[in-house]
Amino acid sequence: DGDRLDGMVGTRRHQGVVARVDARRRELKLADVLDS
């Protein structure tokens, strides 16, 4: 229900959809961008 989503993300502006995602991404370096 919407109330649970409110509590999960601390706002009512979630539009009724929330995803739990993997935040452990490889940290992008500036050199990676410049080289590409």
PDB file of all heavy atoms in Angstrom:
ATOM      1  N   ASP A   1       0.845  -1.196   0.000  1.00  0.00           N
ATOM      2  CA  ASP A   1       0.000   0.000   0.000  1.00  0.00           C
ATOM      3  C   ASP A   1       0.885   1.252   0.000  1.00  0.00           C
ATOM      4  O   ASP A   1       2.088   1.195   0.251  1.00  0.00           O
ATOM      5  CB  ASP A   1      -0.968   0.003   1.179  1.00  0.00           C
ATOM      6  CG  ASP A   1      -0.275  -0.041   2.537  1.00  0.00           C
ATOM      7  OD1 ASP A   1       0.817   0.537   2.668  1.00  0.00           O
ATOM      8  OD2 ASP A   1      -0.835  -0.640   3.473  1.00  0.00           O
ATOM      9  N   GLY A   2       0.259   2.375  -0.301  1.00  0.00           N
ATOM     10  CA  GLY A   2       1.003   3.627  -0.424  1.00  0.00           C
ATOM     11  C   GLY A   2       1.714   4.042   0.839  1.00  0.00           C
ATOM     12  O   GLY A   2       2.808   4.612   0.789  1.00  0.00           O
ATOM     13  N   ASP A   3       1.114   3.769   2.005  1.00  0.00           N
ATOM     14  CA  ASP A   3       1.730   4.165   3.270  1.00  0.00           C
ATOM     15  C   ASP A   3       3.081   3.480   3.468  1.00  0.00           C
ATOM     16  O   ASP A   3       4.026   4.082   3.988  1.00  0.00           O
ATOM     17  CB  ASP A   3       0.807   3.845   4.443  1.00  0.00           C
ATOM     18  CG  ASP A   3      -0.421   4.751   4.486  1.00  0.00           C
ATOM     19  OD1 ASP A   3      -0.359   5.830   3.865  1.00  0.00           O
ATOM     20  OD2 ASP A   3      -1.411   4.376   5.128  1.00  0.00           O
ATOM     21  N   ARG A   4       3.166   2.216   3.058  1.00  0.00           N
ATOM     22  CA  ARG A   4       4.438   1.513   3.224  1.00  0.00           C
ATOM     23  C   ARG A   4       5.501   2.125   2.318  1.00  0.00           C
ATOM     24  O   ARG A   4       6.659   2.282   2.713  1.00  0.00           O
ATOM     25  CB  ARG A   4       4.283   0.022   2.915  1.00  0.00           C
ATOM     26  CG  ARG A   4       5.585  -0.739   3.155  1.00  0.00           C
ATOM     27  CD  ARG A   4       5.443  -2.221   2.940  1.00  0.00           C
ATOM     28  NE  ARG A   4       6.741  -2.872   3.091  1.00  0.00           N
ATOM     29  CZ  ARG A   4       6.961  -4.153   2.802  1.00  0.00           C
ATOM     30  NH1 ARG A   4       5.971  -4.913   2.351  1.00  0.00           N
ATOM     31  NH2 ARG A   4       8.156  -4.674   2.956  1.00  0.00           N
ATOM     32  N   LEU A   5       5.102   2.491   1.105  1.00  0.00           N
ATOM     33  CA  LEU A   5       6.054   3.125   0.201  1.00  0.00           C
ATOM     34  C   LEU A   5       6.517   4.467   0.770  1.00  0.00           C
ATOM     35  O   LEU A   5       7.701   4.813   0.673  1.00  0.00           O
ATOM     36  CB  LEU A   5       5.423   3.324  -1.181  1.00  0.00           C
ATOM     37  CG  LEU A   5       5.081   2.065  -1.964  1.00  0.00           C
ATOM     38  CD1 LEU A   5       4.445   2.431  -3.308  1.00  0.00           C
ATOM     39  CD2 LEU A   5       6.324   1.214  -2.188  1.00  0.00           C
ATOM     40  N   ASP A   6       5.591   5.218   1.380  1.00  0.00           N
ATOM     41  CA  ASP A   6       5.951   6.493   2.012  1.00  0.00           C
ATOM     42  C   ASP A   6       7.058   6.268   3.042  1.00  0.00           C
ATOM     43  O   ASP A   6       8.036   7.018   3.107  1.00  0.00           O
ATOM     44  CB  ASP A   6       4.740   7.116   2.717  1.00  0.00           C
ATOM     45  CG  ASP A   6       3.628   7.510   1.749  1.00  0.00           C
ATOM     46  OD1 ASP A   6       3.873   7.490   0.533  1.00  0.00           O
ATOM     47  OD2 ASP A   6       2.528   7.825   2.226  1.00  0.00           O
ATOM     48  N   GLY A   7       6.877   5.236   3.861  1.00  0.00           N
ATOM     49  CA  GLY A   7       7.845   4.963   4.912  1.00  0.00           C
ATOM     50  C   GLY A   7       9.178   4.475   4.376  1.00  0.00           C
ATOM     51  O   GLY A   7      10.228   4.747   4.962  1.00  0.00           O
ATOM     52  N   MET A   8       9.155   3.763   3.250  1.00  0.00           N
ATOM     53  CA  MET A   8      10.386   3.215   2.684  1.00  0.00           C
ATOM     54  C   MET A   8      11.320   4.309   2.174  1.00  0.00           C
ATOM     55  O   MET A   8      12.530   4.222   2.316  1.00  0.00           O
ATOM     56  CB  MET A   8      10.065   2.238   1.552  1.00  0.00           C
ATOM     57  CG  MET A   8       9.430   0.941   2.007  1.00  0.00           C
ATOM     58  SD  MET A   8       8.790  -0.052   0.631  1.00  0.00           S
ATOM     59  CE  MET A   8      10.317  -0.446  -0.212  1.00  0.00           C
ATOM     60  N   VAL A   9      10.740   5.339   1.547  1.00  0.00           N
ATOM     61  CA  VAL A   9      11.583   6.362   0.914  1.00  0.00           C
ATOM     62  C   VAL A   9      11.463   7.734   1.556  1.00  0.00           C
ATOM     63  O   VAL A   9      12.144   8.677   1.148  1.00  0.00           O
ATOM     64  CB  VAL A   9      11.285   6.463  -0.603  1.00  0.00           C
ATOM     65  CG1 VAL A   9      11.645   5.164  -1.287  1.00  0.00           C
ATOM     66  CG2 VAL A   9       9.817   6.807  -0.864  1.00  0.00           C
ATOM     67  N   GLY A  10      10.589   7.866   2.560  1.00  0.00           N
ATOM     68  CA  GLY A  10      10.496   9.130   3.284  1.00  0.00           C
ATOM     69  C   GLY A  10       9.826  10.252   2.547  1.00  0.00           C
ATOM     70  O   GLY A  10      10.012  11.428   2.875  1.00  0.00           O
ATOM     71  N   THR A  11       9.027   9.919   1.541  1.00  0.00           N
ATOM     72  CA  THR A  11       8.312  10.939   0.782  1.00  0.00           C
ATOM     73  C   THR A  11       7.107  10.305   0.119  1.00  0.00           C
ATOM     74  O   THR A  11       7.068   9.082  -0.087  1.00  0.00           O
ATOM     75  CB  THR A  11       9.216  11.574  -0.298  1.00  0.00           C
ATOM     76  OG1 THR A  11       8.441  12.515  -1.073  1.00  0.00           O
ATOM     77  CG2 THR A  11       9.776  10.518  -1.235  1.00  0.00           C
ATOM     78  N   ARG A  12       6.122  11.125  -0.215  1.00  0.00           N
ATOM     79  CA  ARG A  12       4.956  10.628  -0.946  1.00  0.00           C
ATOM     80  C   ARG A  12       5.102  10.814  -2.448  1.00  0.00           C
ATOM     81  O   ARG A  12       4.182  10.502  -3.209  1.00  0.00           O
ATOM     82  CB  ARG A  12       3.702  11.347  -0.452  1.00  0.00           C
ATOM     83  CG  ARG A  12       3.351  11.034   1.004  1.00  0.00           C
ATOM     84  CD  ARG A  12       2.016  11.614   1.395  1.00  0.00           C
ATOM     85  NE  ARG A  12       1.656  11.234   2.758  1.00  0.00           N
ATOM     86  CZ  ARG A  12       0.501  11.550   3.335  1.00  0.00           C
ATOM     87  NH1 ARG A  12      -0.400  12.246   2.659  1.00  0.00           N
ATOM     88  NH2 ARG A  12       0.250  11.160   4.580  1.00  0.00           N
ATOM     89  N   ARG A  13       6.255  11.265  -2.889  1.00  0.00           N
ATOM     90  CA  ARG A  13       6.447  11.565  -4.309  1.00  0.00           C
ATOM     91  C   ARG A  13       7.035  10.377  -5.073  1.00  0.00           C
ATOM     92  O   ARG A  13       7.732  10.541  -6.051  1.00  0.00           O
ATOM     93  CB  ARG A  13       7.352  12.786  -4.443  1.00  0.00           C
ATOM     94  CG  ARG A  13       6.786  14.015  -3.749  1.00  0.00           C
ATOM     95  CD  ARG A  13       7.663  15.223  -3.903  1.00  0.00           C
ATOM     96  NE  ARG A  13       7.745  15.650  -5.290  1.00  0.00           N
ATOM     97  CZ  ARG A  13       8.495  16.667  -5.711  1.00  0.00           C
ATOM     98  NH1 ARG A  13       9.237  17.327  -4.853  1.00  0.00           N
ATOM     99  NH2 ARG A  13       8.519  17.004  -6.983  1.00  0.00           N
ATOM    100  N   HIS A  14       6.730   9.176  -4.618  1.00  0.00           N
ATOM    101  CA  HIS A  14       7.288   7.975  -5.255  1.00  0.00           C
ATOM    102  C   HIS A  14       6.468   7.501  -6.452  1.00  0.00           C
ATOM    103  O   HIS A  14       6.894   6.614  -7.186  1.00  0.00           O
ATOM    104  CB  HIS A  14       7.378   6.843  -4.236  1.00  0.00           C
ATOM    105  CG  HIS A  14       6.154   6.695  -3.396  1.00  0.00           C
ATOM    106  ND1 HIS A  14       4.940   6.263  -3.895  1.00  0.00           N
ATOM    107  CD2 HIS A  14       5.943   6.943  -2.075  1.00  0.00           C
ATOM    108  CE1 HIS A  14       4.047   6.237  -2.930  1.00  0.00           C
ATOM    109  NE2 HIS A  14       4.613   6.653  -1.807  1.00  0.00           N
ATOM    110  N   GLN A  15       5.264   8.057  -6.639  1.00  0.00           N
ATOM    111  CA  GLN A  15       4.364   7.716  -7.755  1.00  0.00           C
ATOM    112  C   GLN A  15       3.875   6.262  -7.700  1.00  0.00           C
ATOM    113  O   GLN A  15       3.389   5.731  -8.687  1.00  0.00           O
ATOM    114  CB  GLN A  15       5.038   7.986  -9.106  1.00  0.00           C
ATOM    115  CG  GLN A  15       5.442   9.429  -9.295  1.00  0.00           C
ATOM    116  CD  GLN A  15       6.188   9.653 -10.585  1.00  0.00           C
ATOM    117  OE1 GLN A  15       7.099   8.906 -10.912  1.00  0.00           O
ATOM    118  NE2 GLN A  15       5.802  10.664 -11.326  1.00  0.00           N
ATOM    119  N   GLY A  16       4.047   5.644  -6.551  1.00  0.00           N
ATOM    120  CA  GLY A  16       3.544   4.286  -6.409  1.00  0.00           C
ATOM    121  C   GLY A  16       4.494   3.203  -6.861  1.00  0.00           C
ATOM    122  O   GLY A  16       4.104   2.038  -7.001  1.00  0.00           O
ATOM    123  N   VAL A  17       5.760   3.542  -7.068  1.00  0.00           N
ATOM    124  CA  VAL A  17       6.732   2.532  -7.488  1.00  0.00           C
ATOM    125  C   VAL A  17       8.086   2.814  -6.839  1.00  0.00           C
ATOM    126  O   VAL A  17       8.591   3.942  -6.885  1.00  0.00           O
ATOM    127  CB  VAL A  17       6.844   2.476  -9.026  1.00  0.00           C
ATOM    128  CG1 VAL A  17       7.284   3.817  -9.596  1.00  0.00           C
ATOM    129  CG2 VAL A  17       7.797   1.385  -9.475  1.00  0.00           C
ATOM    130  N   VAL A  18       8.662   1.769  -6.225  1.00  0.00           N
ATOM    131  CA  VAL A  18       9.959   1.869  -5.559  1.00  0.00           C
ATOM    132  C   VAL A  18      10.750   0.611  -5.906  1.00  0.00           C
ATOM    133  O   VAL A  18      10.190  -0.496  -5.948  1.00  0.00           O
ATOM    134  CB  VAL A  18       9.805   1.978  -4.022  1.00  0.00           C
ATOM    135  CG1 VAL A  18      11.165   1.901  -3.327  1.00  0.00           C
ATOM    136  CG2 VAL A  18       9.083   3.263  -3.647  1.00  0.00           C
ATOM    137  N   ALA A  19      12.037   0.755  -6.160  1.00  0.00           N
ATOM    138  CA  ALA A  19      12.886  -0.396  -6.446  1.00  0.00           C
ATOM    139  C   ALA A  19      14.047  -0.440  -5.457  1.00  0.00           C
ATOM    140  O   ALA A  19      14.627   0.596  -5.125  1.00  0.00           O
ATOM    141  CB  ALA A  19      13.416  -0.336  -7.868  1.00  0.00           C
ATOM    142  N   ARG A  20      14.365  -1.638  -5.003  1.00  0.00           N
ATOM    143  CA  ARG A  20      15.568  -1.837  -4.187  1.00  0.00           C
ATOM    144  C   ARG A  20      16.665  -2.308  -5.127  1.00  0.00           C
ATOM    145  O   ARG A  20      16.526  -3.332  -5.793  1.00  0.00           O
ATOM    146  CB  ARG A  20      15.335  -2.867  -3.083  1.00  0.00           C
ATOM    147  CG  ARG A  20      16.501  -2.982  -2.102  1.00  0.00           C
ATOM    148  CD  ARG A  20      16.116  -3.824  -0.883  1.00  0.00           C
ATOM    149  NE  ARG A  20      15.943  -5.233  -1.225  1.00  0.00           N
ATOM    150  CZ  ARG A  20      16.946  -6.125  -1.237  1.00  0.00           C
ATOM    151  NH1 ARG A  20      18.182  -5.745  -0.959  1.00  0.00           N
ATOM    152  NH2 ARG A  20      16.707  -7.375  -1.538  1.00  0.00           N
ATOM    153  N   VAL A  21      17.744  -1.521  -5.208  1.00  0.00           N
ATOM    154  CA  VAL A  21      18.773  -1.777  -6.212  1.00  0.00           C
ATOM    155  C   VAL A  21      20.137  -1.970  -5.557  1.00  0.00           C
ATOM    156  O   VAL A  21      20.365  -1.588  -4.405  1.00  0.00           O
ATOM    157  CB  VAL A  21      18.853  -0.617  -7.235  1.00  0.00           C
ATOM    158  CG1 VAL A  21      17.513  -0.419  -7.925  1.00  0.00           C
ATOM    159  CG2 VAL A  21      19.294   0.675  -6.560  1.00  0.00           C
ATOM    160  N   ASP A  22      21.038  -2.533  -6.331  1.00  0.00           N
ATOM    161  CA  ASP A  22      22.414  -2.740  -5.888  1.00  0.00           C
ATOM    162  C   ASP A  22      23.176  -1.433  -6.047  1.00  0.00           C
ATOM    163  O   ASP A  22      23.350  -0.936  -7.160  1.00  0.00           O
ATOM    164  CB  ASP A  22      23.061  -3.842  -6.739  1.00  0.00           C
ATOM    165  CG  ASP A  22      24.446  -4.230  -6.240  1.00  0.00           C
ATOM    166  OD1 ASP A  22      24.942  -3.571  -5.306  1.00  0.00           O
ATOM    167  OD2 ASP A  22      25.027  -5.170  -6.791  1.00  0.00           O
ATOM    168  N   ALA A  23      23.638  -0.866  -4.947  1.00  0.00           N
ATOM    169  CA  ALA A  23      24.369   0.407  -4.980  1.00  0.00           C
ATOM    170  C   ALA A  23      25.869   0.199  -5.115  1.00  0.00           C
ATOM    171  O   ALA A  23      26.626   1.171  -5.200  1.00  0.00           O
ATOM    172  CB  ALA A  23      24.078   1.222  -3.730  1.00  0.00           C
ATOM    173  N   ARG A  24      26.309  -1.049  -5.159  1.00  0.00           N
ATOM    174  CA  ARG A  24      27.747  -1.313  -5.191  1.00  0.00           C
ATOM    175  C   ARG A  24      28.265  -1.298  -6.622  1.00  0.00           C
ATOM    176  O   ARG A  24      28.686  -2.299  -7.189  1.00  0.00           O
ATOM    177  CB  ARG A  24      28.049  -2.663  -4.555  1.00  0.00           C
ATOM    178  CG  ARG A  24      27.687  -2.752  -3.090  1.00  0.00           C
ATOM    179  CD  ARG A  24      27.837  -4.170  -2.596  1.00  0.00           C
ATOM    180  NE  ARG A  24      26.950  -5.066  -3.343  1.00  0.00           N
ATOM    181  CZ  ARG A  24      27.009  -6.392  -3.257  1.00  0.00           C
ATOM    182  NH1 ARG A  24      27.910  -6.977  -2.491  1.00  0.00           N
ATOM    183  NH2 ARG A  24      26.168  -7.142  -3.954  1.00  0.00           N
ATOM    184  N   ARG A  25      28.242  -0.141  -7.218  1.00  0.00           N
ATOM    185  CA  ARG A  25      28.745  -0.006  -8.579  1.00  0.00           C
ATOM    186  C   ARG A  25      30.244   0.283  -8.557  1.00  0.00           C
ATOM    187  O   ARG A  25      30.761   0.862  -7.607  1.00  0.00           O
ATOM    188  CB  ARG A  25      28.052   1.149  -9.300  1.00  0.00           C
ATOM    189  CG  ARG A  25      26.582   0.911  -9.576  1.00  0.00           C
ATOM    190  CD  ARG A  25      26.042   2.104 -10.318  1.00  0.00           C
ATOM    191  NE  ARG A  25      24.664   1.899 -10.727  1.00  0.00           N
ATOM    192  CZ  ARG A  25      23.990   2.779 -11.440  1.00  0.00           C
ATOM    193  NH1 ARG A  25      24.552   3.915 -11.803  1.00  0.00           N
ATOM    194  NH2 ARG A  25      22.747   2.544 -11.780  1.00  0.00           N
ATOM    195  N   ARG A  26      30.901  -0.089  -9.620  1.00  0.00           N
ATOM    196  CA  ARG A  26      32.300   0.269  -9.753  1.00  0.00           C
ATOM    197  C   ARG A  26      32.418   1.784  -9.800  1.00  0.00           C
ATOM    198  O   ARG A  26      31.722   2.441 -10.563  1.00  0.00           O
ATOM    199  CB  ARG A  26      32.858  -0.336 -11.048  1.00  0.00           C
ATOM    200  CG  ARG A  26      34.252   0.101 -11.389  1.00  0.00           C
ATOM    201  CD  ARG A  26      34.694  -0.603 -12.684  1.00  0.00           C
ATOM    202  NE  ARG A  26      35.906  -0.016 -13.202  1.00  0.00           N
ATOM    203  CZ  ARG A  26      35.941   1.003 -14.036  1.00  0.00           C
ATOM    204  NH1 ARG A  26      34.820   1.577 -14.422  1.00  0.00           N
ATOM    205  NH2 ARG A  26      37.078   1.484 -14.496  1.00  0.00           N
ATOM    206  N   GLU A  27      33.285   2.328  -8.967  1.00  0.00           N
ATOM    207  CA  GLU A  27      33.429   3.781  -8.912  1.00  0.00           C
ATOM    208  C   GLU A  27      34.086   4.282 -10.194  1.00  0.00           C
ATOM    209  O   GLU A  27      35.180   3.857 -10.559  1.00  0.00           O
ATOM    210  CB  GLU A  27      34.276   4.191  -7.707  1.00  0.00           C
ATOM    211  CG  GLU A  27      34.338   5.690  -7.525  1.00  0.00           C
ATOM    212  CD  GLU A  27      35.061   6.083  -6.251  1.00  0.00           C
ATOM    213  OE1 GLU A  27      35.399   5.191  -5.454  1.00  0.00           O
ATOM    214  OE2 GLU A  27      35.299   7.288  -6.069  1.00  0.00           O
ATOM    215  N   LEU A  28      33.403   5.180 -10.870  1.00  0.00           N
ATOM    216  CA  LEU A  28      33.901   5.706 -12.134  1.00  0.00           C
ATOM    217  C   LEU A  28      34.946   6.776 -11.865  1.00  0.00           C
ATOM    218  O   LEU A  28      34.749   7.676 -11.046  1.00  0.00           O
ATOM    219  CB  LEU A  28      32.742   6.290 -12.937  1.00  0.00           C
ATOM    220  CG  LEU A  28      33.021   6.690 -14.374  1.00  0.00           C
ATOM    221  CD1 LEU A  28      33.359   5.459 -15.209  1.00  0.00           C
ATOM    222  CD2 LEU A  28      31.805   7.401 -14.960  1.00  0.00           C
ATOM    223  N   LYS A  29      36.059   6.701 -12.552  1.00  0.00           N
ATOM    224  CA  LYS A  29      37.139   7.670 -12.413  1.00  0.00           C
ATOM    225  C   LYS A  29      37.092   8.669 -13.567  1.00  0.00           C
ATOM    226  O   LYS A  29      36.618   8.354 -14.659  1.00  0.00           O
ATOM    227  CB  LYS A  29      38.494   6.967 -12.410  1.00  0.00           C
ATOM    228  CG  LYS A  29      38.656   5.909 -11.326  1.00  0.00           C
ATOM    229  CD  LYS A  29      38.681   6.512  -9.937  1.00  0.00           C
ATOM    230  CE  LYS A  29      38.972   5.454  -8.880  1.00  0.00           C
ATOM    231  NZ  LYS A  29      38.918   6.017  -7.515  1.00  0.00           N
ATOM    232  N   LEU A  30      37.620   9.862 -13.316  1.00  0.00           N
ATOM    233  CA  LEU A  30      37.684  10.870 -14.364  1.00  0.00           C
ATOM    234  C   LEU A  30      38.497  10.359 -15.544  1.00  0.00           C
ATOM    235  O   LEU A  30      38.145  10.596 -16.709  1.00  0.00           O
ATOM    236  CB  LEU A  30      38.287  12.166 -13.814  1.00  0.00           C
ATOM    237  CG  LEU A  30      38.428  13.320 -14.809  1.00  0.00           C
ATOM    238  CD1 LEU A  30      37.085  13.698 -15.407  1.00  0.00           C
ATOM    239  CD2 LEU A  30      39.052  14.533 -14.122  1.00  0.00           C
ATOM    240  N   ALA A  31      39.570   9.643 -15.264  1.00  0.00           N
ATOM    241  CA  ALA A  31      40.411   9.097 -16.341  1.00  0.00           C
ATOM    242  C   ALA A  31      39.617   8.158 -17.246  1.00  0.00           C
ATOM    243  O   ALA A  31      39.864   8.107 -18.463  1.00  0.00           O
ATOM    244  CB  ALA A  31      41.620   8.379 -15.753  1.00  0.00           C
ATOM    245  N   ASP A  32      38.654   7.427 -16.668  1.00  0.00           N
ATOM    246  CA  ASP A  32      37.825   6.528 -17.471  1.00  0.00           C
ATOM    247  C   ASP A  32      37.051   7.312 -18.523  1.00  0.00           C
ATOM    248  O   ASP A  32      36.918   6.886 -19.678  1.00  0.00           O
ATOM    249  CB  ASP A  32      36.835   5.767 -16.585  1.00  0.00           C
ATOM    250  CG  ASP A  32      37.526   4.856 -15.587  1.00  0.00           C
ATOM    251  OD1 ASP A  32      38.626   4.376 -15.901  1.00  0.00           O
ATOM    252  OD2 ASP A  32      36.972   4.634 -14.505  1.00  0.00           O
ATOM    253  N   VAL A  33      36.514   8.462 -18.109  1.00  0.00           N
ATOM    254  CA  VAL A  33      35.744   9.302 -19.027  1.00  0.00           C
ATOM    255  C   VAL A  33      36.661   9.911 -20.090  1.00  0.00           C
ATOM    256  O   VAL A  33      36.364   9.859 -21.290  1.00  0.00           O
ATOM    257  CB  VAL A  33      35.014  10.422 -18.261  1.00  0.00           C
ATOM    258  CG1 VAL A  33      34.339  11.392 -19.232  1.00  0.00           C
ATOM    259  CG2 VAL A  33      33.994   9.825 -17.308  1.00  0.00           C
ATOM    260  N   LEU A  34      37.781  10.459 -19.661  1.00  0.00           N
ATOM    261  CA  LEU A  34      38.688  11.109 -20.604  1.00  0.00           C
ATOM    262  C   LEU A  34      39.239  10.124 -21.626  1.00  0.00           C
ATOM    263  O   LEU A  34      39.398  10.460 -22.809  1.00  0.00           O
ATOM    264  CB  LEU A  34      39.839  11.782 -19.838  1.00  0.00           C
ATOM    265  CG  LEU A  34      39.427  12.882 -18.839  1.00  0.00           C
ATOM    266  CD1 LEU A  34      40.654  13.455 -18.151  1.00  0.00           C
ATOM    267  CD2 LEU A  34      38.631  13.978 -19.529  1.00  0.00           C
ATOM    268  N   ASP A  35      39.497   8.901 -21.195  1.00  0.00           N
ATOM    269  CA  ASP A  35      40.045   7.898 -22.109  1.00  0.00           C
ATOM    270  C   ASP A  35      39.022   7.399 -23.119  1.00  0.00           C
ATOM    271  O   ASP A  35      39.398   6.856 -24.164  1.00  0.00           O
ATOM    272  CB  ASP A  35      40.586   6.700 -21.316  1.00  0.00           C
ATOM    273  CG  ASP A  35      41.842   7.035 -20.522  1.00  0.00           C
ATOM    274  OD1 ASP A  35      42.460   8.072 -20.819  1.00  0.00           O
ATOM    275  OD2 ASP A  35      42.186   6.283 -19.599  1.00  0.00           O
ATOM    276  N   SER A  36      37.749   7.564 -22.807  1.00  0.00           N
ATOM    277  CA  SER A  36      36.706   7.031 -23.684  1.00  0.00           C
ATOM    278  C   SER A  36      36.174   8.044 -24.690  1.00  0.00           C
ATOM    279  O   SER A  36      35.340   7.704 -25.535  1.00  0.00           O
ATOM    280  CB  SER A  36      35.538   6.507 -22.838  1.00  0.00           C
ATOM    281  OG  SER A  36      34.881   7.575 -22.171  1.00  0.00           O
TER     282      SER A  36
END
